[in-house]
N, C-alpha and C. Protein backbone atom coordinates (compact mmCIF):
# COMPACT_ATOMS: atom_id res chain seq x y z
N MET A 1 -10.69 -36.67 2.99
CA MET A 1 -11.33 -35.52 2.18
C MET A 1 -10.79 -35.18 0.50
N LYS A 2 -11.62 -35.13 -0.44
CA LYS A 2 -11.33 -34.86 -1.61
C LYS A 2 -11.62 -33.11 -2.21
N TYR A 3 -10.93 -32.65 -2.97
CA TYR A 3 -11.62 -31.50 -3.32
C TYR A 3 -10.96 -31.59 -5.32
N LEU A 4 -12.10 -30.66 -5.98
CA LEU A 4 -11.63 -30.65 -7.16
C LEU A 4 -11.39 -29.06 -7.57
N ILE A 5 -10.32 -28.77 -7.73
CA ILE A 5 -9.95 -27.41 -8.35
C ILE A 5 -9.68 -27.29 -9.47
N VAL A 6 -10.79 -26.40 -10.17
CA VAL A 6 -10.73 -26.37 -11.50
C VAL A 6 -9.92 -24.79 -12.13
N GLY A 7 -9.18 -24.99 -13.05
CA GLY A 7 -8.78 -23.71 -13.77
C GLY A 7 -9.35 -23.69 -15.02
N LEU A 8 -9.94 -22.91 -15.48
CA LEU A 8 -10.65 -22.47 -16.60
C LEU A 8 -9.39 -21.92 -17.52
N GLY A 9 -9.59 -22.74 -18.75
CA GLY A 9 -8.78 -21.82 -20.10
C GLY A 9 -8.88 -22.62 -21.24
N ASN A 10 -8.06 -22.12 -22.18
CA ASN A 10 -7.88 -23.13 -23.43
C ASN A 10 -6.59 -23.79 -23.53
N THR A 11 -6.47 -24.96 -24.43
CA THR A 11 -5.27 -25.97 -24.88
C THR A 11 -4.43 -25.15 -25.86
N GLY A 12 -3.50 -25.44 -26.06
CA GLY A 12 -2.70 -25.23 -27.07
C GLY A 12 -1.67 -24.18 -26.87
N GLU A 13 -0.66 -24.12 -27.30
CA GLU A 13 0.44 -22.83 -27.43
C GLU A 13 0.02 -21.56 -27.48
N GLY A 14 -0.98 -21.19 -28.41
CA GLY A 14 -1.54 -19.65 -28.72
C GLY A 14 -2.27 -19.39 -27.48
N TYR A 15 -2.43 -19.91 -26.68
CA TYR A 15 -3.43 -19.66 -25.74
C TYR A 15 -2.72 -19.50 -24.18
N LYS A 16 -1.63 -20.19 -24.23
CA LYS A 16 -0.85 -20.38 -23.11
C LYS A 16 -0.67 -19.49 -22.03
N ASN A 17 -0.35 -18.17 -22.67
CA ASN A 17 -0.23 -17.01 -21.74
C ASN A 17 -0.94 -15.69 -21.88
N THR A 18 -2.60 -15.90 -22.16
CA THR A 18 -3.25 -15.15 -22.19
C THR A 18 -4.02 -15.04 -21.36
N ARG A 19 -4.68 -13.82 -21.08
CA ARG A 19 -5.52 -13.38 -20.09
C ARG A 19 -6.56 -14.45 -19.39
N HIS A 20 -7.32 -14.76 -20.78
CA HIS A 20 -8.20 -16.02 -20.69
C HIS A 20 -7.89 -17.12 -19.97
N ASN A 21 -6.63 -17.42 -19.81
CA ASN A 21 -5.94 -18.67 -19.44
C ASN A 21 -5.43 -18.41 -17.92
N ILE A 22 -5.97 -17.59 -17.07
CA ILE A 22 -5.55 -17.19 -15.53
C ILE A 22 -5.64 -18.45 -14.95
N GLY A 23 -6.85 -19.25 -15.19
CA GLY A 23 -7.34 -20.76 -14.84
C GLY A 23 -5.89 -21.58 -14.50
N PHE A 24 -5.77 -21.72 -15.80
CA PHE A 24 -4.16 -22.70 -15.97
C PHE A 24 -3.38 -22.27 -15.61
N ILE A 25 -2.86 -20.71 -15.37
CA ILE A 25 -1.66 -20.28 -15.05
C ILE A 25 -1.29 -20.53 -13.76
N VAL A 26 -2.85 -20.28 -12.89
CA VAL A 26 -2.76 -20.27 -11.38
C VAL A 26 -2.71 -21.86 -11.01
N LEU A 27 -2.88 -22.69 -11.59
CA LEU A 27 -3.16 -24.15 -11.09
C LEU A 27 -1.35 -24.74 -11.67
N ASP A 28 -0.99 -24.15 -12.70
CA ASP A 28 0.48 -24.23 -13.08
C ASP A 28 1.47 -24.16 -11.82
N ALA A 29 1.15 -22.87 -11.56
CA ALA A 29 2.12 -22.18 -10.73
C ALA A 29 1.77 -23.24 -9.09
N MET A 30 0.68 -23.43 -8.90
CA MET A 30 0.42 -24.22 -7.57
C MET A 30 1.15 -25.51 -7.82
N ALA A 31 0.95 -26.31 -9.08
CA ALA A 31 1.59 -27.66 -9.00
C ALA A 31 3.31 -27.29 -8.62
N LEU A 32 3.68 -26.25 -10.01
CA LEU A 32 5.03 -26.47 -9.63
C LEU A 32 5.61 -25.79 -8.26
N ALA A 33 4.78 -25.30 -7.27
CA ALA A 33 5.08 -25.03 -5.89
C ALA A 33 5.60 -26.26 -5.32
N SER A 34 4.55 -27.15 -5.52
CA SER A 34 4.01 -28.45 -4.91
C SER A 34 5.06 -29.46 -5.57
N ASN A 35 6.02 -29.14 -6.75
CA ASN A 35 6.88 -30.45 -7.20
C ASN A 35 5.99 -31.48 -7.93
N THR A 36 4.91 -31.20 -8.19
CA THR A 36 3.83 -31.71 -8.42
C THR A 36 3.43 -31.80 -10.49
N PHE A 37 3.52 -32.92 -11.29
CA PHE A 37 3.43 -32.55 -12.67
C PHE A 37 2.06 -32.88 -13.20
N PHE A 38 1.31 -32.21 -14.09
CA PHE A 38 0.17 -32.69 -14.55
C PHE A 38 0.29 -34.06 -15.66
N THR A 39 -0.58 -34.85 -15.79
CA THR A 39 -0.66 -35.90 -16.56
C THR A 39 -1.74 -35.67 -17.57
N ASP A 40 -1.83 -35.72 -18.62
CA ASP A 40 -3.04 -35.87 -19.60
C ASP A 40 -3.93 -36.91 -19.49
N LYS A 41 -5.26 -36.61 -19.07
CA LYS A 41 -5.88 -37.82 -18.99
C LYS A 41 -7.50 -37.59 -20.19
N ARG A 42 -8.58 -37.90 -19.40
CA ARG A 42 -9.68 -37.70 -20.05
C ARG A 42 -10.44 -36.42 -19.83
N TYR A 43 -10.38 -35.72 -21.10
CA TYR A 43 -11.02 -34.54 -20.42
C TYR A 43 -10.02 -33.58 -19.84
N GLY A 44 -8.81 -33.51 -19.78
CA GLY A 44 -8.16 -32.72 -19.13
C GLY A 44 -6.65 -33.09 -18.59
N ALA A 45 -5.90 -32.20 -18.02
CA ALA A 45 -4.56 -32.16 -17.47
C ALA A 45 -4.90 -32.21 -16.18
N VAL A 46 -4.39 -33.35 -15.81
CA VAL A 46 -4.84 -33.71 -13.90
C VAL A 46 -3.60 -33.67 -13.17
N CYS A 47 -3.69 -33.42 -11.76
CA CYS A 47 -2.57 -33.95 -10.65
C CYS A 47 -3.06 -33.56 -9.47
N THR A 48 -2.60 -34.40 -8.39
CA THR A 48 -3.14 -34.68 -7.33
C THR A 48 -1.98 -33.81 -6.45
N ILE A 49 -2.49 -32.80 -5.64
CA ILE A 49 -1.87 -32.31 -4.32
C ILE A 49 -2.36 -32.78 -3.03
N ARG A 50 -1.36 -33.15 -2.05
CA ARG A 50 -1.90 -33.55 -0.70
C ARG A 50 -1.69 -32.40 0.25
N HIS A 51 -2.55 -31.70 0.96
CA HIS A 51 -2.29 -30.60 1.75
C HIS A 51 -3.35 -30.88 3.06
N LYS A 52 -2.63 -30.95 4.11
CA LYS A 52 -3.14 -31.09 5.36
C LYS A 52 -4.24 -32.07 5.92
N GLY A 53 -3.85 -33.48 4.94
CA GLY A 53 -4.56 -34.70 4.85
C GLY A 53 -5.83 -34.18 3.72
N ARG A 54 -5.91 -33.36 3.33
CA ARG A 54 -7.02 -33.09 1.73
C ARG A 54 -6.08 -33.50 0.81
N ASP A 55 -6.90 -34.17 -0.26
CA ASP A 55 -6.33 -34.47 -1.56
C ASP A 55 -7.03 -33.34 -2.43
N LEU A 56 -6.46 -32.58 -3.10
CA LEU A 56 -6.63 -31.35 -4.31
C LEU A 56 -6.31 -32.17 -5.34
N VAL A 57 -7.38 -32.23 -6.15
CA VAL A 57 -7.31 -32.93 -7.61
C VAL A 57 -7.38 -31.44 -8.45
N LEU A 58 -6.17 -31.34 -9.08
CA LEU A 58 -6.22 -29.84 -9.95
C LEU A 58 -6.56 -30.50 -11.50
N LEU A 59 -7.41 -29.81 -11.78
CA LEU A 59 -7.98 -29.99 -13.38
C LEU A 59 -7.80 -28.84 -14.06
N LYS A 60 -7.27 -28.90 -15.23
CA LYS A 60 -7.00 -28.31 -16.21
C LYS A 60 -7.95 -28.84 -17.77
N PRO A 61 -9.29 -28.56 -17.99
CA PRO A 61 -9.88 -29.15 -18.94
C PRO A 61 -9.33 -28.91 -20.23
N SER A 62 -9.59 -29.81 -21.06
CA SER A 62 -8.69 -29.93 -22.34
C SER A 62 -9.85 -29.85 -23.59
N THR A 63 -11.24 -29.72 -23.13
CA THR A 63 -12.42 -29.52 -23.80
C THR A 63 -12.25 -28.21 -24.42
N PHE A 64 -11.40 -27.19 -24.32
CA PHE A 64 -11.58 -25.86 -24.86
C PHE A 64 -13.00 -25.26 -23.55
N MET A 65 -12.63 -23.77 -23.74
CA MET A 65 -13.47 -23.09 -22.57
C MET A 65 -15.17 -23.14 -22.89
N ASN A 66 -15.47 -23.15 -23.82
CA ASN A 66 -17.17 -23.19 -24.08
C ASN A 66 -17.80 -24.77 -23.61
N LEU A 67 -16.44 -25.68 -23.41
CA LEU A 67 -17.32 -27.13 -23.17
C LEU A 67 -16.49 -27.37 -21.98
N SER A 68 -16.37 -26.38 -20.90
CA SER A 68 -15.50 -26.78 -19.77
C SER A 68 -16.40 -27.85 -18.64
N GLY A 69 -17.60 -27.69 -19.04
CA GLY A 69 -18.54 -28.41 -18.08
C GLY A 69 -18.60 -29.78 -18.44
N ASN A 70 -18.19 -30.23 -19.40
CA ASN A 70 -17.83 -31.94 -19.60
C ASN A 70 -16.76 -32.36 -18.82
N ALA A 71 -15.81 -31.59 -18.94
CA ALA A 71 -14.39 -32.22 -18.02
C ALA A 71 -14.82 -32.01 -16.65
N VAL A 72 -15.78 -30.83 -16.11
CA VAL A 72 -15.90 -30.59 -14.87
C VAL A 72 -17.02 -32.07 -14.09
N SER A 73 -17.97 -32.17 -15.05
CA SER A 73 -19.07 -33.08 -14.67
C SER A 73 -18.19 -34.48 -14.59
N TYR A 74 -17.61 -35.04 -15.41
CA TYR A 74 -16.84 -36.12 -15.31
C TYR A 74 -15.56 -36.52 -14.31
N TRP A 75 -14.82 -35.24 -13.88
CA TRP A 75 -14.34 -35.56 -12.80
C TRP A 75 -14.60 -35.34 -11.43
N LEU A 76 -16.08 -35.02 -11.62
CA LEU A 76 -16.83 -34.80 -9.92
C LEU A 76 -16.94 -36.21 -9.83
N LYS A 77 -17.45 -37.07 -10.74
CA LYS A 77 -18.30 -37.94 -10.89
C LYS A 77 -17.10 -38.92 -10.90
N LYS A 78 -16.05 -39.07 -11.34
CA LYS A 78 -14.94 -40.05 -11.55
C LYS A 78 -14.37 -40.08 -9.89
N GLU A 79 -14.10 -39.18 -9.18
CA GLU A 79 -13.48 -38.80 -8.05
C GLU A 79 -14.26 -38.91 -6.88
N ASN A 80 -15.78 -38.93 -7.23
CA ASN A 80 -16.76 -38.73 -6.18
C ASN A 80 -16.37 -37.42 -5.36
N ILE A 81 -16.48 -36.56 -5.84
CA ILE A 81 -16.10 -35.24 -5.00
C ILE A 81 -17.65 -34.32 -5.25
N PRO A 82 -18.32 -33.95 -4.23
CA PRO A 82 -19.39 -33.33 -4.09
C PRO A 82 -19.40 -31.89 -4.54
N VAL A 83 -20.36 -31.36 -5.34
CA VAL A 83 -20.28 -29.87 -5.81
C VAL A 83 -19.78 -28.69 -5.01
N GLU A 84 -19.81 -28.68 -3.56
CA GLU A 84 -19.81 -28.05 -2.78
C GLU A 84 -18.30 -28.26 -2.42
N ASN A 85 -17.63 -29.23 -2.99
CA ASN A 85 -16.39 -29.13 -2.60
C ASN A 85 -15.36 -28.87 -4.01
N MET A 86 -16.03 -28.46 -4.83
CA MET A 86 -15.44 -27.99 -6.27
C MET A 86 -14.94 -26.37 -5.86
N LEU A 87 -13.99 -26.04 -6.57
CA LEU A 87 -13.87 -24.70 -6.73
C LEU A 87 -13.37 -24.34 -8.24
N VAL A 88 -13.86 -23.22 -8.81
CA VAL A 88 -13.42 -22.98 -10.12
C VAL A 88 -12.63 -21.41 -10.32
N ILE A 89 -11.39 -21.75 -10.70
CA ILE A 89 -10.92 -20.26 -10.75
C ILE A 89 -11.01 -19.52 -12.31
N VAL A 90 -11.51 -18.50 -12.34
CA VAL A 90 -11.91 -17.72 -13.48
C VAL A 90 -11.52 -16.51 -13.90
N ASP A 91 -11.26 -16.01 -15.14
CA ASP A 91 -11.25 -14.80 -15.60
C ASP A 91 -12.15 -14.04 -15.56
N ASP A 92 -11.95 -12.51 -15.08
CA ASP A 92 -13.16 -11.66 -15.07
C ASP A 92 -12.80 -10.27 -15.52
N ILE A 93 -13.40 -9.54 -16.34
CA ILE A 93 -12.94 -8.07 -17.06
C ILE A 93 -13.88 -7.44 -16.30
N ALA A 94 -14.90 -8.09 -15.51
CA ALA A 94 -15.54 -6.71 -14.54
C ALA A 94 -14.69 -6.36 -13.20
N LEU A 95 -13.51 -6.98 -12.90
CA LEU A 95 -12.82 -6.88 -11.95
C LEU A 95 -11.62 -5.73 -12.01
N PRO A 96 -10.73 -5.20 -11.46
CA PRO A 96 -9.50 -4.79 -12.08
C PRO A 96 -8.50 -5.54 -11.80
N LEU A 97 -7.67 -5.32 -12.53
CA LEU A 97 -6.27 -6.44 -12.76
C LEU A 97 -5.77 -6.81 -11.58
N GLY A 98 -5.92 -8.09 -11.00
CA GLY A 98 -5.19 -8.44 -10.07
C GLY A 98 -6.40 -8.58 -9.02
N SER A 99 -7.49 -8.30 -9.21
CA SER A 99 -8.56 -8.30 -7.76
C SER A 99 -8.86 -9.72 -7.77
N LEU A 100 -9.12 -10.15 -6.54
CA LEU A 100 -9.71 -11.34 -6.12
C LEU A 100 -11.40 -11.47 -5.58
N ARG A 101 -11.72 -11.95 -5.97
CA ARG A 101 -13.15 -12.30 -5.31
C ARG A 101 -13.62 -13.48 -5.58
N MET A 102 -13.71 -14.28 -3.95
CA MET A 102 -14.29 -15.61 -3.90
C MET A 102 -15.61 -15.45 -3.61
N ARG A 103 -16.61 -16.36 -4.47
CA ARG A 103 -18.13 -16.46 -4.01
C ARG A 103 -18.59 -17.82 -3.67
N PRO A 104 -19.65 -18.34 -3.23
CA PRO A 104 -20.03 -19.44 -3.07
C PRO A 104 -21.07 -19.90 -4.09
N LYS A 105 -21.41 -18.86 -5.03
CA LYS A 105 -22.26 -19.09 -6.13
C LYS A 105 -22.69 -17.76 -6.87
N GLY A 106 -23.37 -17.91 -8.03
CA GLY A 106 -23.59 -16.59 -8.95
C GLY A 106 -23.91 -17.02 -10.35
N SER A 107 -23.99 -15.68 -10.94
CA SER A 107 -24.35 -15.85 -12.04
C SER A 107 -23.04 -15.99 -12.80
N ASP A 108 -22.92 -16.47 -14.30
CA ASP A 108 -21.96 -16.67 -15.05
C ASP A 108 -21.23 -15.52 -15.46
N GLY A 109 -21.78 -14.38 -15.80
CA GLY A 109 -21.21 -12.81 -15.93
C GLY A 109 -20.95 -13.08 -17.08
N GLY A 110 -21.39 -13.72 -18.41
CA GLY A 110 -20.97 -13.69 -19.73
C GLY A 110 -19.90 -14.44 -19.61
N HIS A 111 -19.62 -15.15 -18.95
CA HIS A 111 -17.88 -16.16 -19.25
C HIS A 111 -18.91 -17.37 -19.67
N ASN A 112 -18.28 -17.65 -20.89
CA ASN A 112 -18.77 -18.98 -21.44
C ASN A 112 -18.17 -20.22 -20.62
N GLY A 113 -16.97 -20.03 -20.17
CA GLY A 113 -16.59 -21.43 -19.28
C GLY A 113 -17.68 -21.37 -17.99
N LEU A 114 -17.89 -20.52 -17.42
CA LEU A 114 -19.04 -20.99 -16.08
C LEU A 114 -20.09 -21.12 -16.71
N ALA A 115 -20.78 -20.16 -17.53
CA ALA A 115 -22.11 -20.54 -18.43
C ALA A 115 -22.16 -22.16 -18.70
N HIS A 116 -21.07 -22.86 -19.38
CA HIS A 116 -21.50 -24.43 -19.79
C HIS A 116 -21.41 -25.07 -18.62
N ILE A 117 -20.35 -24.93 -17.45
CA ILE A 117 -20.59 -25.70 -16.34
C ILE A 117 -21.88 -25.12 -15.51
N SER A 118 -22.23 -24.25 -15.12
CA SER A 118 -23.69 -24.06 -14.86
C SER A 118 -24.74 -24.88 -15.54
N SER A 119 -24.35 -25.15 -16.96
CA SER A 119 -25.89 -25.67 -17.84
C SER A 119 -25.65 -26.95 -17.44
N ILE A 120 -24.44 -27.71 -17.49
CA ILE A 120 -24.18 -29.01 -17.43
C ILE A 120 -24.31 -29.57 -15.98
N LEU A 121 -24.27 -28.74 -15.06
CA LEU A 121 -24.43 -29.00 -13.64
C LEU A 121 -26.13 -29.02 -13.20
N SER A 122 -26.67 -27.80 -14.05
CA SER A 122 -27.97 -27.69 -13.85
C SER A 122 -28.26 -26.85 -12.50
N SER A 123 -27.00 -26.31 -12.03
CA SER A 123 -26.87 -25.23 -11.25
C SER A 123 -25.62 -24.20 -11.11
N ASN A 124 -25.83 -23.08 -10.53
CA ASN A 124 -24.69 -22.14 -10.57
C ASN A 124 -24.31 -22.16 -9.26
N GLU A 125 -24.64 -23.03 -8.08
CA GLU A 125 -24.35 -23.01 -6.77
C GLU A 125 -23.19 -23.86 -6.62
N TYR A 126 -21.93 -23.28 -7.19
CA TYR A 126 -20.48 -24.03 -7.01
C TYR A 126 -19.71 -22.45 -6.26
N PRO A 127 -18.66 -23.02 -5.55
CA PRO A 127 -17.40 -22.12 -5.31
C PRO A 127 -16.72 -21.49 -6.47
N ARG A 128 -16.44 -20.42 -6.46
CA ARG A 128 -15.52 -19.69 -7.83
C ARG A 128 -14.58 -18.83 -7.22
N ILE A 129 -13.50 -18.52 -7.60
CA ILE A 129 -12.74 -17.56 -7.18
C ILE A 129 -12.71 -16.71 -8.84
N ARG A 130 -12.89 -15.51 -8.74
CA ARG A 130 -13.06 -14.62 -9.91
C ARG A 130 -11.51 -13.46 -9.81
N PHE A 131 -10.88 -13.64 -11.07
CA PHE A 131 -9.57 -13.21 -11.08
C PHE A 131 -9.46 -12.44 -11.95
N GLY A 132 -9.48 -10.44 -11.35
CA GLY A 132 -9.38 -9.58 -12.42
C GLY A 132 -8.35 -9.57 -13.35
N ILE A 133 -8.78 -9.52 -14.99
CA ILE A 133 -8.06 -9.08 -15.36
C ILE A 133 -8.05 -7.88 -16.16
N GLY A 134 -8.91 -6.65 -15.57
CA GLY A 134 -9.08 -5.35 -15.77
C GLY A 134 -10.23 -5.65 -17.24
N ASN A 135 -10.23 -4.45 -17.45
CA ASN A 135 -11.14 -3.77 -18.78
C ASN A 135 -10.59 -2.76 -19.56
N SER A 136 -9.36 -2.67 -19.93
CA SER A 136 -8.96 -1.24 -20.52
C SER A 136 -8.85 -1.91 -21.89
N PHE A 137 -9.87 -1.68 -22.76
CA PHE A 137 -9.70 -2.06 -24.26
C PHE A 137 -10.41 -1.16 -24.81
N ARG A 138 -10.41 -1.31 -26.00
CA ARG A 138 -11.34 -0.32 -27.09
C ARG A 138 -12.43 -1.18 -27.48
N LYS A 139 -13.83 0.07 -27.49
CA LYS A 139 -14.56 -0.70 -28.03
C LYS A 139 -14.79 -1.57 -29.00
N GLY A 140 -15.27 -2.54 -28.85
CA GLY A 140 -15.68 -3.55 -29.77
C GLY A 140 -14.45 -4.75 -29.97
N SER A 141 -13.15 -4.58 -28.87
CA SER A 141 -12.12 -5.39 -29.09
C SER A 141 -11.72 -6.24 -27.96
N GLN A 142 -12.95 -6.64 -27.02
CA GLN A 142 -13.02 -7.39 -25.96
C GLN A 142 -12.49 -8.85 -26.24
N ILE A 143 -12.65 -9.44 -27.13
CA ILE A 143 -12.34 -11.04 -27.51
C ILE A 143 -10.91 -10.77 -27.62
N ASP A 144 -10.31 -9.50 -28.64
CA ASP A 144 -8.85 -9.41 -28.87
C ASP A 144 -8.04 -9.30 -27.39
N PHE A 145 -8.82 -8.52 -26.54
CA PHE A 145 -8.11 -8.23 -25.17
C PHE A 145 -8.07 -9.58 -24.14
N VAL A 146 -9.09 -10.20 -23.95
CA VAL A 146 -9.48 -11.65 -23.27
C VAL A 146 -8.30 -12.41 -24.04
N LEU A 147 -8.17 -12.60 -25.14
CA LEU A 147 -7.31 -13.55 -26.17
C LEU A 147 -5.86 -13.16 -26.18
N GLY A 148 -5.84 -11.82 -25.85
CA GLY A 148 -4.43 -11.27 -26.03
C GLY A 148 -3.38 -11.87 -24.44
N ASN A 149 -2.06 -11.57 -25.01
CA ASN A 149 -1.29 -12.04 -24.14
C ASN A 149 -1.03 -10.90 -23.05
N TRP A 150 -0.45 -11.40 -21.99
CA TRP A 150 -0.25 -10.42 -20.49
C TRP A 150 0.96 -9.51 -21.05
N GLU A 151 0.87 -8.25 -20.95
CA GLU A 151 1.67 -7.18 -21.12
C GLU A 151 2.99 -7.51 -19.88
N PRO A 152 4.21 -7.30 -20.46
CA PRO A 152 5.13 -7.33 -19.17
C PRO A 152 4.96 -6.95 -17.97
N GLU A 153 4.25 -5.83 -17.89
CA GLU A 153 4.23 -5.30 -16.70
C GLU A 153 3.07 -5.72 -15.65
N GLU A 154 2.05 -6.35 -16.41
CA GLU A 154 0.66 -6.91 -15.89
C GLU A 154 1.69 -8.64 -15.33
N LYS A 155 2.08 -9.13 -15.84
CA LYS A 155 2.93 -10.40 -15.82
C LYS A 155 3.62 -10.50 -14.46
N ILE A 156 4.72 -9.07 -14.22
CA ILE A 156 4.97 -8.96 -12.86
C ILE A 156 3.99 -8.41 -11.96
N PHE A 157 3.26 -7.94 -11.96
CA PHE A 157 1.93 -7.56 -11.31
C PHE A 157 1.21 -8.89 -10.79
N ILE A 158 0.65 -9.59 -11.62
CA ILE A 158 -0.13 -10.92 -11.39
C ILE A 158 0.68 -11.94 -10.24
N THR A 159 1.79 -11.99 -10.26
CA THR A 159 2.53 -13.16 -9.87
C THR A 159 2.47 -13.26 -8.54
N ASP A 160 2.66 -11.99 -8.06
CA ASP A 160 1.99 -12.31 -6.20
C ASP A 160 0.54 -12.26 -6.10
N ARG A 161 -0.36 -12.09 -7.11
CA ARG A 161 -1.69 -12.11 -6.95
C ARG A 161 -2.03 -13.77 -7.00
N ILE A 162 -1.21 -14.48 -7.67
CA ILE A 162 -1.18 -15.99 -7.94
C ILE A 162 -0.91 -16.66 -6.83
N LYS A 163 0.04 -15.88 -6.07
CA LYS A 163 0.56 -16.92 -4.86
C LYS A 163 -0.77 -16.85 -4.03
N ILE A 164 -1.47 -15.58 -3.66
CA ILE A 164 -2.59 -15.44 -2.89
C ILE A 164 -3.62 -16.19 -3.14
N VAL A 165 -3.79 -16.42 -4.60
CA VAL A 165 -4.85 -17.52 -4.94
C VAL A 165 -4.74 -18.78 -4.47
N ILE A 166 -3.47 -19.29 -4.67
CA ILE A 166 -3.03 -20.57 -4.11
C ILE A 166 -3.32 -20.75 -2.97
N GLU A 167 -2.75 -19.79 -1.75
CA GLU A 167 -3.23 -19.75 -0.61
C GLU A 167 -4.80 -20.06 -0.30
N MET A 168 -5.48 -19.04 -1.19
CA MET A 168 -6.70 -19.29 -0.83
C MET A 168 -7.26 -20.66 -1.30
N ILE A 169 -6.88 -21.28 -2.37
CA ILE A 169 -7.27 -22.74 -2.62
C ILE A 169 -7.04 -24.09 -1.35
N LYS A 170 -5.78 -23.19 -0.87
CA LYS A 170 -5.67 -24.38 0.38
C LYS A 170 -6.46 -24.16 1.40
N SER A 171 -6.86 -22.71 1.68
CA SER A 171 -7.78 -22.30 3.08
C SER A 171 -9.04 -22.99 2.44
N PHE A 172 -9.57 -23.01 1.24
CA PHE A 172 -10.88 -23.64 1.19
C PHE A 172 -10.82 -24.84 1.39
N ALA A 173 -9.87 -25.52 0.93
CA ALA A 173 -9.67 -27.20 1.31
C ALA A 173 -9.74 -27.21 2.45
N PHE A 174 -9.10 -26.51 3.64
CA PHE A 174 -8.46 -26.48 4.76
C PHE A 174 -9.80 -26.05 6.06
N ALA A 175 -10.01 -25.05 5.49
CA ALA A 175 -10.57 -24.03 6.78
C ALA A 175 -12.14 -24.27 6.28
N GLY A 176 -12.69 -23.89 4.96
CA GLY A 176 -13.81 -24.08 4.27
C GLY A 176 -13.96 -22.83 3.64
N LEU A 177 -15.32 -22.51 2.90
CA LEU A 177 -15.65 -21.62 2.07
C LEU A 177 -15.62 -20.30 2.99
N GLU A 178 -16.41 -20.13 3.69
CA GLU A 178 -16.84 -19.15 4.77
C GLU A 178 -15.57 -18.36 5.52
N LEU A 179 -14.92 -19.18 5.72
CA LEU A 179 -13.46 -18.50 6.55
C LEU A 179 -12.66 -17.83 5.65
N THR A 180 -12.63 -18.82 4.40
CA THR A 180 -11.84 -18.58 3.58
C THR A 180 -11.98 -17.13 2.74
N MET A 181 -13.36 -16.90 2.56
CA MET A 181 -13.99 -15.87 1.85
C MET A 181 -13.56 -14.60 3.05
N THR A 182 -13.96 -14.50 4.23
CA THR A 182 -13.86 -13.55 5.38
C THR A 182 -12.18 -13.47 5.61
N ALA A 183 -11.23 -14.14 5.09
CA ALA A 183 -10.01 -14.03 5.51
C ALA A 183 -9.39 -13.25 4.09
N PHE A 184 -9.79 -13.70 3.01
CA PHE A 184 -9.08 -13.23 1.97
C PHE A 184 -9.95 -12.02 1.01
N ASN A 185 -11.15 -12.42 1.06
CA ASN A 185 -11.57 -11.32 0.05
C ASN A 185 -11.52 -9.65 0.07
N LYS A 186 -11.22 -9.20 1.48
CA LYS A 186 -10.58 -7.96 1.70
C LYS A 186 -9.56 -7.78 0.90
N GLU A 187 -8.50 -8.64 1.46
CA GLU A 187 -7.16 -8.59 0.93
C GLU A 187 -7.01 -8.75 -0.61
N GLY A 188 -8.02 -9.28 -1.14
CA GLY A 188 -8.09 -9.69 -2.81
C GLY A 188 -8.11 -8.14 -3.52
N LYS A 189 -8.94 -7.18 -2.72
CA LYS A 189 -9.34 -6.35 -3.57
C LYS A 189 -8.25 -5.26 -3.85
N VAL A 190 -8.27 -5.27 -5.46
CA VAL A 190 -7.57 -4.07 -6.32
C VAL A 190 -8.17 -2.82 -6.46
N HIS A 191 -7.95 -1.84 -6.71
CA HIS A 191 -8.65 -0.60 -6.67
C HIS A 191 -8.16 -0.04 -8.31
N PRO A 192 -8.72 0.46 -9.33
CA PRO A 192 -8.37 0.32 -10.81
C PRO A 192 -7.44 1.98 -10.46
N SER A 193 -6.77 2.27 -11.22
CA SER A 193 -5.88 3.27 -11.50
C SER A 193 -6.60 4.29 -12.75
N PRO A 194 -7.07 5.16 -12.64
CA PRO A 194 -7.81 5.64 -13.72
C PRO A 194 -6.49 6.17 -14.67
N GLU A 195 -5.30 7.02 -13.91
CA GLU A 195 -4.67 7.95 -14.39
C GLU A 195 -3.64 6.74 -15.31
N LYS A 196 -3.71 5.79 -15.36
CA LYS A 196 -2.98 5.06 -16.09
C LYS A 196 -3.51 4.29 -17.30
N GLU A 197 -4.94 4.60 -17.41
CA GLU A 197 -5.37 4.56 -18.76
C GLU A 197 -4.91 4.96 -19.68
N GLU A 198 -4.62 4.27 -21.01
CA GLU A 198 -4.48 5.00 -21.98
C GLU A 198 -5.46 5.63 -22.86
N PRO A 199 -4.98 7.11 -23.48
CA PRO A 199 -5.90 7.69 -23.86
C PRO A 199 -6.77 7.02 -25.16
N GLY A 200 -8.20 7.31 -25.47
CA GLY A 200 -8.96 6.62 -26.43
C GLY A 200 -9.51 5.40 -25.86
N LYS A 201 -9.17 5.05 -24.77
CA LYS A 201 -9.51 3.61 -24.30
C LYS A 201 -11.05 3.35 -23.57
N THR A 202 -11.62 2.90 -23.82
CA THR A 202 -12.80 2.92 -22.96
C THR A 202 -13.14 1.66 -22.22
N LEU A 203 -13.57 1.83 -21.09
CA LEU A 203 -13.72 0.57 -20.14
C LEU A 203 -15.02 0.03 -20.43
N GLN A 204 -14.92 -1.31 -20.56
CA GLN A 204 -16.46 -1.99 -20.84
C GLN A 204 -16.68 -2.88 -19.69
N LYS A 205 -17.95 -2.69 -19.12
CA LYS A 205 -18.61 -3.32 -18.11
C LYS A 205 -19.48 -4.68 -18.54
């Protein structure tokens, strides 16, 4: 059985360590842990990991975030993978930093990558894991925050959260969506810590 695991992000060194690239960061960590390397192919960097009889095709689209659907559509067809066997990893400013939420479908929530995938597939009914990046930024500076680099303390914190996402991906392929949501969604919750907010910052929803 084969699965397409899509990590959303933007290509290029300037985007490598940004919050918006958490999808790429998760897949890089997963490939490294499996001693597997990505190869640049059409519409993205790709590698395949074998897990308990399942083939997990990891995809980092090279189309840039706003055109992610082109890469997703191409690789679903090329690998003959049904949409229900696709899982998208995406950043979410509506969730506290490090909070993880798996869903079988849903709106794009204003995320351009999800919006383009839904548009190209003519459906928003595909599994996704939303990785909270927090929303402590000044009014009007959302883009700078999302495309900004992780702070040192944030990078330390998300390292363990990335490990959980990798386990969620493996569980999705082996145990299925429903069991994975039951097992991990409660564990994935992180509550915001208002006392750590900087003065003058406004939480944006």
